[in-house]
Amino acid sequence: MSYQAKLSREAVKRLERLDQATYARIERRLYELKANPYDPRISKPLKGSEGMRSSRVGDWRVLYTVNRSIQTIYIVAIRTRGEAYRKI
């Protein structure tokens, strides 16, 4: 069962500004999340944010929600660890 990924405008802008190596690492993680967005090895639910999950990629965090009914992952934000959990 493979999911489709949709990125928010904020996530797209952040990806465009990343260096090539970091971009490649995050892109690989997005493919892993599309295969299984609930895999506990690569993601965890966020406390205090119902339905929101986080995936760690080095110093970066991919914040997303999952809609099982239409098999879609919505990437809300891609942020550094220090700014990841503000204003979600």
Protein backbone atom coordinates (compact mmCIF):
# COMPACT_ATOMS: atom_id res chain seq x y z
CA MET A 1 0.00 0.00 0.00
CA SER A 2 1.67 3.19 -1.18
CA TYR A 3 0.60 6.68 -0.21
CA GLN A 4 0.68 9.84 -2.28
CA ALA A 5 2.57 12.85 -0.88
CA LYS A 6 1.42 16.47 -1.13
CA LEU A 7 3.63 19.31 0.06
CA SER A 8 2.54 22.62 1.53
CA ARG A 9 3.85 25.84 0.04
CA GLU A 10 6.15 26.26 3.06
CA ALA A 11 7.62 22.78 2.57
CA VAL A 12 8.23 23.37 -1.15
CA LYS A 13 9.99 26.68 -0.49
CA ARG A 14 12.21 25.09 2.16
CA LEU A 15 13.15 22.22 -0.14
CA GLU A 16 14.13 24.65 -2.88
CA ARG A 17 16.59 26.40 -0.53
CA LEU A 18 18.32 23.27 0.77
CA ASP A 19 21.76 22.15 -0.31
CA GLN A 20 21.88 19.16 -2.64
CA ALA A 21 22.94 16.57 -0.03
CA THR A 22 20.24 17.54 2.48
CA TYR A 23 17.65 17.69 -0.28
CA ALA A 24 18.55 14.13 -1.34
CA ARG A 25 18.30 12.83 2.25
CA ILE A 26 14.88 14.40 2.77
CA GLU A 27 13.68 13.16 -0.61
CA ARG A 28 14.67 9.59 0.35
CA ARG A 29 12.76 9.97 3.61
CA LEU A 30 9.66 11.13 1.75
CA TYR A 31 9.79 7.94 -0.35
CA GLU A 32 10.10 5.88 2.84
CA LEU A 33 7.13 7.70 4.36
CA LYS A 34 5.06 7.11 1.23
CA ALA A 35 5.68 3.37 1.64
CA ASN A 36 4.65 3.37 5.33
CA PRO A 37 3.91 6.69 7.09
CA TYR A 38 3.36 4.95 10.43
CA ASP A 39 6.68 3.09 10.59
CA PRO A 40 7.90 3.66 14.18
CA ARG A 41 11.55 3.49 13.05
CA ILE A 42 11.23 6.65 10.96
CA SER A 43 8.37 8.63 12.50
CA LYS A 44 6.52 9.37 15.69
CA PRO A 45 3.26 11.03 16.65
CA LEU A 46 3.56 14.56 18.04
CA LYS A 47 2.24 15.14 21.52
CA GLY A 48 -0.30 17.94 21.73
CA SER A 49 -0.97 17.98 17.99
CA GLU A 50 -3.73 15.54 17.13
CA GLY A 51 -2.96 13.60 13.95
CA MET A 52 0.42 15.27 13.34
CA ARG A 53 3.56 13.15 12.97
CA SER A 54 7.27 13.94 12.78
CA SER A 55 10.14 12.26 10.99
CA ARG A 56 13.74 13.05 11.84
CA VAL A 57 16.35 13.51 9.09
CA GLY A 58 19.55 14.56 10.83
CA ASP A 59 18.96 18.07 12.21
CA TRP A 60 15.80 18.42 10.12
CA ARG A 61 12.21 17.44 10.89
CA VAL A 62 9.51 16.55 8.39
CA LEU A 63 6.11 17.36 9.92
CA TYR A 64 3.11 15.72 8.31
CA THR A 65 -0.42 14.38 8.62
CA VAL A 66 -1.89 11.24 7.08
CA ASN A 67 -5.31 10.80 5.48
CA ARG A 68 -5.91 7.05 5.33
CA SER A 69 -9.17 7.27 3.39
CA ILE A 70 -7.52 8.80 0.31
CA GLN A 71 -4.03 7.41 1.10
CA THR A 72 -2.34 10.81 1.16
CA ILE A 73 0.46 12.22 3.26
CA TYR A 74 0.33 16.01 3.60
CA ILE A 75 3.78 17.44 4.36
CA VAL A 76 3.01 20.47 6.50
CA ALA A 77 6.58 21.69 7.05
CA ILE A 78 10.25 20.83 6.75
CA ARG A 79 12.14 22.65 9.46
CA THR A 80 15.31 22.53 11.52
CA ARG A 81 15.06 20.94 14.93
CA GLY A 82 15.12 24.30 16.70
CA GLU A 83 12.18 25.74 14.81
CA ALA A 84 10.23 22.55 14.05
CA TYR A 85 7.70 22.57 16.83
CA ARG A 86 6.80 26.26 16.88
CA LYS A 87 3.60 27.43 15.21
CA ILE A 88 2.34 24.07 14.00
